[in-house]
């Protein structure tokens, strides 16, 4: 029990610092750019972190299947700590961008492990509660990030937004040490070429979300590399992404549904505060507070989700989640200049209920429908699909926001896109098999440790 408690403290702390660092620079980056110069690299300070985190998460999951969870997770914490230290002592914008990439690699190695280790430690019926705890950490980071950023800039220096990670990472590392995992890694050679093809291919695809020129060229190069990656992986004895797991159509359609659903409306939280500030005239704090509705809705359904899976299976719950996502899309299309905090807060709760079901049920599904030696990559690939959908969706929404004759028309365009996307996401749920028998047979697969 002490081992379980210790590792839970470790993964919660690691998740907290990684999630805070995803958003804390939103409020502090203008100050940093003013001091370091090179404003043309402003967007890259975010992009280098996001790209590194996205491409490394699936690789980290697969490495944990081959070498064990503790070793790979610990490496991620150390790398994140080093990246944070380097960011804090950056003397130029170029250095900051490079060091943010190192920090992002560390975050990529850290982020999948709360879900992976929870899948090892807890049976299905308890896993929803654990996912709710992780969701609470994301909600807490959404509140803490702007407050910490403002505090450090005003009373100390922006460099402390990175230095504060050091003691937290050290505690996370120390509390990880007593953890005695009973997962026995499956020894195999590492597919370095496959990992490189995957990383470079995804990097080119994600560059489309941050560059303004040559987007078509980057898309073609990225797509071509992913095709090469696919055929290369088919020939490997120990591929970095085992294509065999996609023979299970339920897993494949859950991942597709996750990608489409997040592409459609997960980016809402990036644009709702703009609406509340520019149209409703709310303060920065109040416009951000509206997003707490997402965390509330998410936690309401996350806690009982594990028990619901045992009773109803995956398909029905994913249908309900996508129906709620569709409803939030309808409400966002109806959003107009007369709506304020109350209306938006309700919409965010509905969207939180939707994503809470989709994320928790989908995550448990992809874990339970594979063998123990593929649980790491299956979990992290699910999160990769969610991250890719989010990155692409936010970019499309940003382009649509500026396509309107005025701000409100742009808002209408981007939410119309989300509404249409939610329809396609709902349709994909009809292709998901109701694998209650499979989930039932793997319910007891959650490892128990003392």
Protein backbone atom coordinates (compact mmCIF):
# COMPACT_ATOMS: atom_id res chain seq x y z
CA UNK A 1 0.00 0.00 0.00
CA UNK A 2 2.89 2.37 0.80
CA UNK A 3 4.35 1.70 -2.64
CA UNK A 4 1.03 2.52 -4.29
CA UNK A 5 0.59 5.74 -2.30
CA UNK A 6 4.13 6.82 -3.02
CA UNK A 7 3.86 6.35 -6.78
CA UNK A 8 0.48 8.11 -6.85
CA UNK A 9 2.09 11.16 -5.20
CA UNK A 10 4.87 11.02 -7.78
CA UNK A 11 2.62 10.86 -10.84
CA UNK A 12 0.23 13.53 -9.53
CA UNK A 13 3.11 15.96 -8.90
CA UNK A 14 4.69 15.21 -12.29
CA UNK A 15 1.36 15.69 -14.04
CA UNK A 16 0.74 18.95 -12.19
CA UNK A 17 4.03 20.59 -13.22
CA UNK A 18 3.78 19.33 -16.81
CA UNK A 19 0.20 20.61 -17.20
CA UNK A 20 1.03 23.98 -15.60
CA UNK A 21 3.94 24.44 -17.97
CA UNK A 22 1.60 23.89 -20.90
CA UNK A 23 -0.28 27.11 -20.08
CA UNK A 24 1.77 29.23 -17.66
CA UNK A 25 3.64 30.99 -20.46
CA UNK A 26 0.38 32.31 -21.94
CA UNK A 27 0.44 35.18 -19.45
CA UNK A 28 4.21 35.62 -19.09
CA UNK A 29 5.51 35.21 -22.64
CA UNK A 30 5.02 38.89 -23.63
CA UNK A 31 7.31 39.89 -20.73
CA UNK A 32 9.86 37.21 -21.63
CA UNK A 33 9.92 38.22 -25.31
CA UNK A 34 10.40 41.85 -24.35
CA UNK A 35 13.46 40.98 -22.26
CA UNK A 36 15.05 38.37 -24.55
CA UNK A 37 14.15 39.92 -27.91
CA UNK A 38 13.51 38.03 -31.17
CA UNK A 39 9.74 38.44 -31.10
CA UNK A 40 9.64 36.51 -34.39
CA UNK A 41 10.31 33.36 -32.33
CA UNK A 42 7.39 34.06 -29.96
CA UNK A 43 5.17 31.24 -31.27
CA UNK A 44 8.07 28.77 -31.30
CA UNK A 45 8.44 28.98 -27.54
CA UNK A 46 5.05 27.25 -27.37
CA UNK A 47 5.38 25.11 -30.49
CA UNK A 48 8.72 23.48 -29.54
CA UNK A 49 7.20 22.27 -26.25
CA UNK A 50 3.94 21.09 -27.86
CA UNK A 51 5.60 19.26 -30.76
CA UNK A 52 8.14 17.50 -28.53
CA UNK A 53 5.46 16.44 -26.04
CA UNK A 54 3.13 15.12 -28.74
CA UNK A 55 5.65 13.05 -30.67
CA UNK A 56 7.42 11.59 -27.61
CA UNK A 57 4.33 10.37 -25.74
CA UNK A 58 3.72 7.26 -27.90
CA UNK A 59 7.45 6.47 -27.93
CA UNK A 60 7.55 6.70 -24.12
CA UNK A 61 4.56 4.40 -23.83
CA UNK A 62 6.19 1.77 -26.02
CA UNK A 63 9.53 2.04 -24.19
CA UNK A 64 7.69 1.45 -20.91
CA UNK A 65 6.33 -1.81 -22.34
CA UNK A 66 9.89 -2.89 -23.18
CA UNK A 67 11.83 -1.59 -20.16
CA UNK A 68 9.28 -1.04 -17.39
CA UNK A 69 7.22 1.94 -16.24
CA UNK A 70 9.42 3.17 -13.39
CA UNK A 71 12.61 3.49 -15.41
CA UNK A 72 11.09 5.41 -18.33
CA UNK A 73 8.92 7.62 -16.12
CA UNK A 74 11.89 8.49 -13.93
CA UNK A 75 13.92 9.41 -17.01
CA UNK A 76 11.12 11.77 -18.06
CA UNK A 77 11.10 13.52 -14.68
CA UNK A 78 14.88 14.02 -14.78
CA UNK A 79 14.78 15.35 -18.34
CA UNK A 80 11.91 17.72 -17.48
CA UNK A 81 13.87 18.97 -14.46
CA UNK A 82 16.97 19.63 -16.61
CA UNK A 83 14.88 21.37 -19.27
CA UNK A 84 13.23 23.57 -16.64
CA UNK A 85 16.61 24.58 -15.22
CA UNK A 86 17.95 25.43 -18.68
CA UNK A 87 14.82 27.45 -19.53
CA UNK A 88 15.25 29.41 -16.33
CA UNK A 89 18.80 30.45 -17.21
CA UNK A 90 18.11 31.17 -20.90
CA UNK A 91 20.00 34.21 -22.16
CA UNK A 92 18.29 34.48 -25.56
CA UNK A 93 15.05 33.55 -27.27
CA UNK A 94 16.86 30.95 -29.38
CA UNK A 95 18.08 29.25 -26.21
CA UNK A 96 14.60 29.36 -24.69
CA UNK A 97 13.04 27.70 -27.74
CA UNK A 98 15.67 24.92 -27.70
CA UNK A 99 15.39 24.40 -23.94
CA UNK A 100 11.58 24.38 -24.14
CA UNK A 101 11.93 21.50 -26.61
CA UNK A 102 14.07 19.60 -24.05
CA UNK A 103 11.46 20.34 -21.41
CA UNK A 104 8.77 19.14 -23.83
CA UNK A 105 10.62 15.87 -24.41
CA UNK A 106 10.63 15.34 -20.65
CA UNK A 107 6.92 16.15 -20.49
CA UNK A 108 6.30 13.72 -23.36
CA UNK A 109 7.94 10.97 -21.31
CA UNK A 110 5.93 11.96 -18.21
CA UNK A 111 2.42 12.63 -19.46
CA UNK A 112 1.25 9.10 -20.42
CA UNK A 113 2.28 7.53 -17.12
CA UNK A 114 -0.54 8.64 -14.83
CA UNK A 115 -2.90 6.67 -17.08
CA UNK A 116 -0.47 3.80 -17.75
CA UNK A 117 0.46 3.22 -14.09
CA UNK A 118 -3.17 3.63 -12.99
CA UNK A 119 -4.00 0.90 -15.53
CA UNK A 120 -1.40 -1.35 -13.86
CA UNK A 121 -2.46 -0.63 -10.28
CA UNK A 122 -6.24 -0.38 -10.29
CA UNK A 123 -9.09 -2.53 -11.62
CA UNK A 124 -11.64 -1.02 -14.05
CA UNK A 125 -14.26 -0.13 -11.46
CA UNK A 126 -11.80 2.07 -9.53
CA UNK A 127 -10.00 3.61 -12.46
CA UNK A 128 -12.66 6.25 -13.11
CA UNK A 129 -11.98 7.78 -9.69
CA UNK A 130 -8.27 7.93 -10.45
CA UNK A 131 -8.92 9.60 -13.80
CA UNK A 132 -11.11 12.12 -11.97
CA UNK A 133 -8.14 12.91 -9.71
CA UNK A 134 -5.96 13.53 -12.77
CA UNK A 135 -8.67 15.74 -14.24
CA UNK A 136 -8.69 17.74 -11.01
CA UNK A 137 -4.97 18.32 -11.50
CA UNK A 138 -5.63 19.76 -14.95
CA UNK A 139 -8.36 21.97 -13.52
CA UNK A 140 -6.05 23.08 -10.70
CA UNK A 141 -3.27 23.88 -13.19
CA UNK A 142 -5.68 25.97 -15.26
CA UNK A 143 -6.26 28.14 -12.17
CA UNK A 144 -2.71 28.12 -10.80
CA UNK A 145 -0.89 28.80 -14.08
CA UNK A 146 -2.04 32.39 -14.68
CA UNK A 147 -1.86 33.21 -10.96
CA UNK A 148 1.69 31.85 -10.60
CA UNK A 149 2.77 33.50 -13.82
CA UNK A 150 1.45 36.90 -12.73
CA UNK A 151 2.96 36.53 -9.22
CA UNK A 152 6.45 35.64 -10.44
CA UNK A 153 6.52 38.38 -13.07
CA UNK A 154 5.31 41.06 -10.65
CA UNK A 155 7.20 40.16 -7.47
CA UNK A 156 10.21 38.10 -8.58
CA UNK A 157 11.26 37.26 -12.14
CA UNK A 158 9.75 35.26 -14.99
CA UNK A 159 12.60 32.77 -14.58
CA UNK A 160 10.85 31.39 -11.49
CA UNK A 161 8.06 29.94 -13.63
CA UNK A 162 10.71 27.36 -14.54
CA UNK A 163 12.76 27.24 -11.32
CA UNK A 164 9.65 26.37 -9.28
CA UNK A 165 9.53 23.05 -11.14
CA UNK A 166 12.86 21.92 -9.68
CA UNK A 167 11.79 21.08 -6.10
CA UNK A 168 8.50 19.59 -7.31
CA UNK A 169 10.34 17.31 -9.77
CA UNK A 170 12.79 16.27 -7.05
CA UNK A 171 9.91 15.29 -4.75
CA UNK A 172 8.24 13.41 -7.63
CA UNK A 173 11.51 11.54 -8.25
CA UNK A 174 12.06 10.70 -4.57
CA UNK A 175 8.48 9.43 -4.13
CA UNK A 176 8.92 7.27 -7.25
CA UNK A 177 11.95 5.44 -5.81
CA UNK A 178 10.00 3.18 -3.33
CA UNK A 179 7.65 2.06 -6.12
CA UNK A 180 7.97 -1.68 -6.76
CA UNK A 181 6.18 -2.40 -10.00
CA UNK A 182 5.02 -5.94 -10.60
CA UNK A 183 4.76 -5.41 -14.34
CA UNK A 184 7.36 -7.57 -16.04
CA UNK A 185 8.66 -5.80 -19.16
CA UNK A 186 8.85 -7.76 -22.40
CA UNK A 187 12.48 -7.61 -23.45
CA UNK A 188 12.95 -6.77 -27.12
CA UNK A 189 15.13 -4.64 -29.36
CA UNK A 190 14.18 -0.98 -29.77
CA UNK A 191 12.96 0.07 -33.20
CA UNK A 192 15.11 3.21 -33.47
CA UNK A 193 14.52 3.74 -37.18
CA UNK A 194 10.75 3.44 -36.73
CA UNK A 195 10.85 5.87 -33.82
CA UNK A 196 12.84 8.36 -35.92
CA UNK A 197 10.46 8.06 -38.89
CA UNK A 198 7.47 8.55 -36.61
CA UNK A 199 8.99 11.54 -34.82
CA UNK A 200 10.10 13.35 -37.97
CA UNK A 201 6.85 12.61 -39.82
CA UNK A 202 4.65 13.89 -37.00
CA UNK A 203 6.92 16.92 -36.56
CA UNK A 204 6.33 17.96 -40.18
CA UNK A 205 2.58 17.48 -39.77
CA UNK A 206 2.54 19.56 -36.58
CA UNK A 207 4.63 22.31 -38.21
CA UNK A 208 1.53 23.07 -40.28
CA UNK A 209 -0.08 24.33 -37.06
CA UNK A 210 2.60 26.96 -36.38
CA UNK A 211 4.09 28.12 -39.69
CA UNK A 212 2.47 30.55 -42.10
CA UNK A 213 4.31 29.53 -45.26
CA UNK A 214 4.88 26.22 -47.12
CA UNK A 215 2.11 24.45 -45.19
CA UNK A 216 1.24 22.26 -48.18
CA UNK A 217 4.89 21.19 -48.54
CA UNK A 218 5.17 20.26 -44.85
CA UNK A 219 1.90 18.33 -45.07
CA UNK A 220 3.10 16.32 -48.09
CA UNK A 221 6.49 15.55 -46.50
CA UNK A 222 4.87 14.56 -43.19
CA UNK A 223 2.27 12.35 -44.87
CA UNK A 224 4.92 10.69 -47.06
CA UNK A 225 7.09 9.90 -44.03
CA UNK A 226 4.10 8.42 -42.19
CA UNK A 227 3.41 6.15 -45.19
CA UNK A 228 7.05 5.02 -45.15
CA UNK A 229 6.74 4.52 -41.38
CA UNK A 230 3.64 2.32 -41.84
CA UNK A 231 5.29 -0.05 -44.33
CA UNK A 232 8.52 -0.12 -42.33
CA UNK A 233 6.68 -1.05 -39.12
CA UNK A 234 4.87 -3.93 -40.83
CA UNK A 235 8.22 -5.68 -41.31
CA UNK A 236 9.53 -5.21 -37.76
CA UNK A 237 9.57 -7.94 -35.14
CA UNK A 238 9.37 -5.36 -32.33
CA UNK A 239 7.86 -2.19 -33.87
CA UNK A 240 7.73 1.08 -31.95
CA UNK A 241 3.97 1.17 -32.70
CA UNK A 242 2.68 -2.43 -32.93
CA UNK A 243 0.22 -2.35 -35.83
CA UNK A 244 -1.24 -5.65 -34.61
CA UNK A 245 -3.20 -3.87 -31.89
CA UNK A 246 -5.22 -2.05 -34.58
CA UNK A 247 -6.59 -5.38 -35.77
CA UNK A 248 -8.98 -4.91 -32.88
CA UNK A 249 -11.57 -2.70 -34.61
CA UNK A 250 -12.87 -1.40 -31.29
CA UNK A 251 -9.48 0.08 -30.45
CA UNK A 252 -9.13 1.54 -33.95
CA UNK A 253 -12.53 3.23 -33.91
CA UNK A 254 -12.06 4.53 -30.35
CA UNK A 255 -8.84 6.24 -31.49
CA UNK A 256 -10.50 7.61 -34.63
CA UNK A 257 -13.45 8.88 -32.60
CA UNK A 258 -11.06 10.53 -30.12
CA UNK A 259 -9.18 12.27 -32.92
CA UNK A 260 -12.34 13.59 -34.61
CA UNK A 261 -14.03 14.57 -31.34
CA UNK A 262 -11.05 16.56 -30.06
CA UNK A 263 -10.44 18.10 -33.49
CA UNK A 264 -14.04 19.29 -33.49
CA UNK A 265 -14.46 21.05 -30.15
CA UNK A 266 -11.57 20.45 -27.73
CA UNK A 267 -10.15 23.79 -28.81
CA UNK A 268 -13.20 25.59 -27.43
CA UNK A 269 -11.30 26.52 -24.25
CA UNK A 270 -8.82 28.52 -26.35
CA UNK A 271 -11.53 30.81 -27.79
CA UNK A 272 -14.32 31.04 -25.21
CA UNK A 273 -12.27 33.43 -22.99
CA UNK A 274 -11.80 35.70 -26.04
CA UNK A 275 -15.55 35.80 -26.55
CA UNK A 276 -16.23 36.60 -22.90
CA UNK A 277 -13.59 39.36 -22.84
CA UNK A 278 -14.35 40.98 -26.21
CA UNK A 279 -18.13 40.57 -26.40
CA UNK A 280 -19.38 40.05 -22.84
CA UNK A 281 -16.83 42.48 -21.38
CA UNK A 282 -15.67 40.14 -18.60
CA UNK A 283 -12.31 40.32 -16.86
CA UNK A 284 -9.41 37.98 -17.58
CA UNK A 285 -10.14 36.08 -14.36
CA UNK A 286 -13.88 35.67 -14.95
CA UNK A 287 -13.42 34.62 -18.57
CA UNK A 288 -10.99 31.94 -17.39
CA UNK A 289 -13.30 30.89 -14.55
CA UNK A 290 -15.96 29.89 -17.10
CA UNK A 291 -13.68 27.06 -18.18
CA UNK A 292 -14.01 25.46 -14.74
CA UNK A 293 -17.33 24.15 -16.05
CA UNK A 294 -15.36 21.69 -18.19
CA UNK A 295 -13.50 20.33 -15.16
CA UNK A 296 -16.75 20.07 -13.17
CA UNK A 297 -18.54 18.13 -15.91
CA UNK A 298 -15.50 15.95 -16.51
CA UNK A 299 -15.20 14.91 -12.86
CA UNK A 300 -18.94 14.21 -12.49
CA UNK A 301 -18.81 11.40 -15.05
CA UNK A 302 -15.21 10.24 -14.54
CA UNK A 303 -15.79 8.86 -11.04
CA UNK A 304 -18.54 6.33 -11.92
CA UNK A 305 -17.31 5.64 -15.48
CA UNK A 306 -15.45 2.46 -14.55
CA UNK A 307 -18.55 0.87 -13.02
CA UNK A 308 -20.67 2.00 -15.97
CA UNK A 309 -18.31 0.20 -18.36
CA UNK A 310 -18.85 -3.08 -16.52
CA UNK A 311 -22.61 -2.59 -16.75
CA UNK A 312 -23.12 -1.05 -20.20
CA UNK A 313 -19.94 -1.65 -22.23
CA UNK A 314 -18.00 0.90 -24.24
CA UNK A 315 -20.27 1.59 -27.21
CA UNK A 316 -23.31 2.98 -25.35
CA UNK A 317 -21.21 5.23 -23.13
CA UNK A 318 -19.23 6.56 -26.10
CA UNK A 319 -22.51 7.22 -27.93
CA UNK A 320 -23.81 9.19 -24.95
CA UNK A 321 -20.54 11.12 -24.71
CA UNK A 322 -20.65 12.04 -28.38
CA UNK A 323 -24.33 12.96 -28.13
CA UNK A 324 -23.40 15.39 -25.33
CA UNK A 325 -20.57 16.72 -27.49
CA UNK A 326 -23.06 17.27 -30.31
CA UNK A 327 -25.37 19.11 -27.88
CA UNK A 328 -22.51 21.39 -26.81
CA UNK A 329 -21.84 22.04 -30.51
CA UNK A 330 -25.47 23.08 -31.02
CA UNK A 331 -25.33 25.41 -28.01
CA UNK A 332 -22.08 26.98 -29.28
CA UNK A 333 -23.54 27.57 -32.75
CA UNK A 334 -26.42 29.41 -31.03
CA UNK A 335 -23.96 31.57 -29.05
CA UNK A 336 -24.49 35.29 -29.70
CA UNK A 337 -23.55 38.71 -28.32
CA UNK A 338 -26.41 38.62 -25.80
CA UNK A 339 -25.04 35.60 -23.99
CA UNK A 340 -22.80 35.96 -20.97
CA UNK A 341 -21.07 33.99 -18.23
CA UNK A 342 -24.10 31.87 -17.20
CA UNK A 343 -24.85 30.51 -20.67
CA UNK A 344 -21.20 29.78 -21.42
CA UNK A 345 -20.66 28.10 -18.05
CA UNK A 346 -23.57 25.71 -18.73
CA UNK A 347 -22.19 24.92 -22.19
CA UNK A 348 -18.79 24.20 -20.68
CA UNK A 349 -20.34 21.78 -18.15
CA UNK A 350 -22.07 19.93 -21.01
CA UNK A 351 -18.80 19.77 -22.91
CA UNK A 352 -17.02 18.59 -19.76
CA UNK A 353 -19.57 15.78 -19.36
CA UNK A 354 -18.95 14.83 -22.99
CA UNK A 355 -15.17 14.79 -22.86
CA UNK A 356 -15.18 13.23 -19.41
CA UNK A 357 -17.04 10.21 -20.78
CA UNK A 358 -15.13 10.06 -24.06
CA UNK A 359 -11.71 10.37 -22.44
CA UNK A 360 -12.26 8.07 -19.46
CA UNK A 361 -14.21 5.35 -21.26
CA UNK A 362 -11.93 5.50 -24.30
CA UNK A 363 -8.79 5.35 -22.18
CA UNK A 364 -9.99 2.38 -20.14
CA UNK A 365 -11.14 0.69 -23.35
CA UNK A 366 -7.79 0.87 -25.15
CA UNK A 367 -6.07 -0.41 -22.00
CA UNK A 368 -8.38 -3.33 -21.36
CA UNK A 369 -8.55 -4.58 -24.95
CA UNK A 370 -4.81 -5.22 -25.29
CA UNK A 371 -2.36 -7.49 -23.52
CA UNK A 372 -0.25 -6.22 -20.65
CA UNK A 373 2.81 -5.80 -22.87
CA UNK A 374 0.97 -3.41 -25.18
CA UNK A 375 -0.86 -1.39 -22.53
CA UNK A 376 1.77 1.37 -22.50
CA UNK A 377 1.74 2.03 -26.23
CA UNK A 378 -2.05 1.62 -26.47
CA UNK A 379 -2.58 4.19 -23.70
CA UNK A 380 -0.06 6.68 -25.05
CA UNK A 381 -1.27 6.31 -28.66
CA UNK A 382 -4.80 7.16 -27.50
CA UNK A 383 -3.39 10.32 -25.89
CA UNK A 384 -1.41 11.01 -29.07
CA UNK A 385 -4.64 10.93 -31.12
CA UNK A 386 -6.21 13.36 -28.65
CA UNK A 387 -3.21 15.71 -28.81
CA UNK A 388 -3.08 15.64 -32.61
CA UNK A 389 -6.80 16.35 -32.86
CA UNK A 390 -6.45 19.25 -30.44
CA UNK A 391 -3.45 20.79 -32.22
CA UNK A 392 -5.04 20.60 -35.66
CA UNK A 393 -8.47 21.70 -34.40
CA UNK A 394 -7.12 24.77 -32.61
CA UNK A 395 -5.23 25.78 -35.76
CA UNK A 396 -8.32 25.43 -37.97
CA UNK A 397 -10.41 27.37 -35.46
CA UNK A 398 -7.81 30.13 -35.37
CA UNK A 399 -7.95 30.46 -39.15
CA UNK A 400 -11.76 30.53 -39.09
CA UNK A 401 -11.77 33.18 -36.35
CA UNK A 402 -9.92 35.59 -38.63
CA UNK A 403 -12.03 34.66 -41.68
CA UNK A 404 -15.09 36.58 -40.53
CA UNK A 405 -15.93 40.16 -41.35
CA UNK A 406 -15.90 40.83 -37.60
CA UNK A 407 -15.03 39.00 -34.39
CA UNK A 408 -18.53 37.61 -33.80
CA UNK A 409 -18.80 36.23 -37.31
CA UNK A 410 -15.41 34.55 -36.87
CA UNK A 411 -16.62 33.00 -33.60
CA UNK A 412 -19.70 31.70 -35.42
CA UNK A 413 -17.54 30.18 -38.19
CA UNK A 414 -15.24 28.32 -35.81
CA UNK A 415 -18.07 26.90 -33.73
CA UNK A 416 -19.97 25.89 -36.87
CA UNK A 417 -16.87 23.90 -37.80
CA UNK A 418 -16.93 22.28 -34.34
CA UNK A 419 -20.61 21.45 -34.66
CA UNK A 420 -20.07 19.71 -38.01
CA UNK A 421 -17.10 17.83 -36.56
CA UNK A 422 -19.22 16.64 -33.62
CA UNK A 423 -21.68 15.11 -36.10
CA UNK A 424 -18.92 13.06 -37.72
CA UNK A 425 -17.62 12.03 -34.28
CA UNK A 426 -21.10 10.82 -33.29
CA UNK A 427 -21.42 8.80 -36.50
CA UNK A 428 -18.17 6.94 -35.81
CA UNK A 429 -19.57 5.54 -32.56
CA UNK A 430 -21.96 3.36 -34.57
CA UNK A 431 -18.90 1.52 -35.90
CA UNK A 432 -17.60 0.67 -32.41
CA UNK A 433 -18.35 -2.87 -31.35
CA UNK A 434 -19.96 -3.35 -27.95
CA UNK A 435 -17.12 -5.46 -26.56
CA UNK A 436 -18.63 -6.14 -23.16
CA UNK A 437 -17.37 -9.71 -23.30
CA UNK A 438 -13.80 -8.56 -23.95
CA UNK A 439 -13.90 -5.93 -21.24
CA UNK A 440 -15.44 -8.39 -18.86
CA UNK A 441 -12.68 -10.88 -19.49
CA UNK A 442 -10.00 -8.30 -18.76
CA UNK A 443 -11.56 -6.58 -15.78
CA UNK A 444 -9.34 -8.41 -13.35
CA UNK A 445 -6.25 -7.63 -15.38
CA UNK A 446 -5.47 -4.58 -13.27
CA UNK A 447 -2.43 -5.52 -11.23
CA UNK A 448 -2.58 -5.43 -7.47
CA UNK A 449 0.45 -4.39 -5.49
CA UNK A 450 1.03 -3.94 -1.82
